[in-house]
Amino acid sequence: MTVLGSKQVLTRKPHKCWGCGRRFEAGSRMCCVTEVDGGEWSTTYWCDVCQEVLAGPGYHYDDQFGREDLRQEDPEAWEDARQRVEGEKS
């Protein structure tokens, strides 16, 4: 897989975050990542929380993740990142 580009966007339609699977409404700020793998192009969207997790040690956008892997692999660390980014305590 080769990452061709990534940029912050305001979405024009609803999207699910690739890293956590949460649904975000149109007008949400997300990171749009375009990649190619074996001649197949794809675009994924990442929420601010998953971007925070990816910025931590041991992760990189070039790593291959299945849908919702970031949230499922370490739910406690993901929740800590969510609370930092979204400013909420549950």
Protein backbone atom coordinates (compact mmCIF):
# COMPACT_ATOMS: atom_id res chain seq x y z
CA MET A 1 0.00 0.00 0.00
CA THR A 2 1.22 3.47 -0.86
CA VAL A 3 -0.27 6.59 0.69
CA LEU A 4 -0.65 9.15 -2.08
CA GLY A 5 -1.84 11.99 0.09
CA SER A 6 -3.76 13.09 3.14
CA LYS A 7 -5.50 16.31 4.06
CA GLN A 8 -7.96 17.72 6.56
CA VAL A 9 -11.39 18.20 5.04
CA LEU A 10 -14.89 19.20 6.01
CA THR A 11 -16.94 16.28 4.78
CA ARG A 12 -19.74 16.84 2.30
CA LYS A 13 -21.57 13.67 3.27
CA PRO A 14 -21.59 11.29 6.25
CA HIS A 15 -18.56 9.02 6.67
CA LYS A 16 -17.39 6.34 9.07
CA CYS A 17 -13.94 6.68 10.55
CA TRP A 18 -11.71 3.85 9.36
CA GLY A 19 -9.88 3.63 12.69
CA CYS A 20 -12.83 3.47 15.08
CA GLY A 21 -15.96 2.94 13.00
CA ARG A 22 -17.86 5.89 14.46
CA ARG A 23 -20.21 7.68 12.06
CA PHE A 24 -19.65 11.38 11.41
CA GLU A 25 -22.25 13.64 9.85
CA ALA A 26 -21.68 15.87 6.81
CA GLY A 27 -19.70 18.96 7.78
CA SER A 28 -17.41 17.06 10.16
CA ARG A 29 -13.68 17.72 10.14
CA MET A 30 -11.80 14.53 9.21
CA CYS A 31 -8.52 13.51 7.63
CA CYS A 32 -9.03 12.14 4.12
CA VAL A 33 -6.31 9.65 3.09
CA THR A 34 -5.94 8.47 -0.51
CA GLU A 35 -3.93 5.32 -1.12
CA VAL A 36 -3.23 2.72 -3.77
CA ASP A 37 -2.60 -0.98 -3.24
CA GLY A 38 -1.97 -3.35 -6.13
CA GLY A 39 -3.50 -0.90 -8.59
CA GLU A 40 -6.65 -0.43 -6.48
CA TRP A 41 -7.32 3.13 -5.26
CA SER A 42 -9.13 3.79 -2.00
CA THR A 43 -9.98 6.70 0.22
CA THR A 44 -10.39 6.44 3.97
CA TYR A 45 -11.52 8.99 6.51
CA TRP A 46 -10.02 9.34 9.98
CA CYS A 47 -11.49 11.23 12.95
CA ASP A 48 -9.44 13.51 15.22
CA VAL A 49 -9.29 10.84 17.92
CA CYS A 50 -7.82 8.19 15.62
CA GLN A 51 -5.37 10.76 14.24
CA GLU A 52 -4.24 11.38 17.83
CA VAL A 53 -3.76 7.64 18.35
CA LEU A 54 -1.83 7.35 15.07
CA ALA A 55 0.44 10.21 16.14
CA GLY A 56 1.52 8.17 19.17
CA PRO A 57 4.35 5.66 19.30
CA GLY A 58 4.05 2.48 17.30
CA TYR A 59 1.65 3.71 14.61
CA HIS A 60 1.94 5.19 11.13
CA TYR A 61 -0.55 5.84 8.32
CA ASP A 62 1.40 3.48 6.07
CA ASP A 63 0.67 0.62 8.48
CA GLN A 64 -2.20 -1.53 7.34
CA PHE A 65 -5.23 -1.45 9.61
CA GLY A 66 -8.51 -3.20 9.27
CA ARG A 67 -11.66 -1.20 9.81
CA GLU A 68 -12.05 -0.24 13.50
CA ASP A 69 -8.70 -1.81 14.48
CA LEU A 70 -7.40 1.26 16.34
CA ARG A 71 -10.38 1.25 18.70
CA GLN A 72 -10.50 -2.53 19.10
CA GLU A 73 -6.77 -3.21 19.62
CA ASP A 74 -6.48 -1.06 22.74
CA PRO A 75 -9.90 0.29 23.77
CA GLU A 76 -8.58 1.92 26.96
CA ALA A 77 -5.86 3.89 25.13
CA TRP A 78 -8.35 4.85 22.43
CA GLU A 79 -10.83 6.08 25.06
CA ASP A 80 -8.08 8.09 26.77
CA ALA A 81 -7.29 9.74 23.42
CA ARG A 82 -11.00 10.40 22.83
CA GLN A 83 -11.29 12.16 26.18
CA ARG A 84 -8.21 14.30 25.45
CA VAL A 85 -9.33 15.26 21.95
CA GLU A 86 -13.04 15.71 22.59
CA GLY A 87 -12.64 17.10 26.10
CA GLU A 88 -15.14 14.73 27.62
CA LYS A 89 -15.00 12.51 30.66
CA SER A 90 -17.41 9.58 30.66
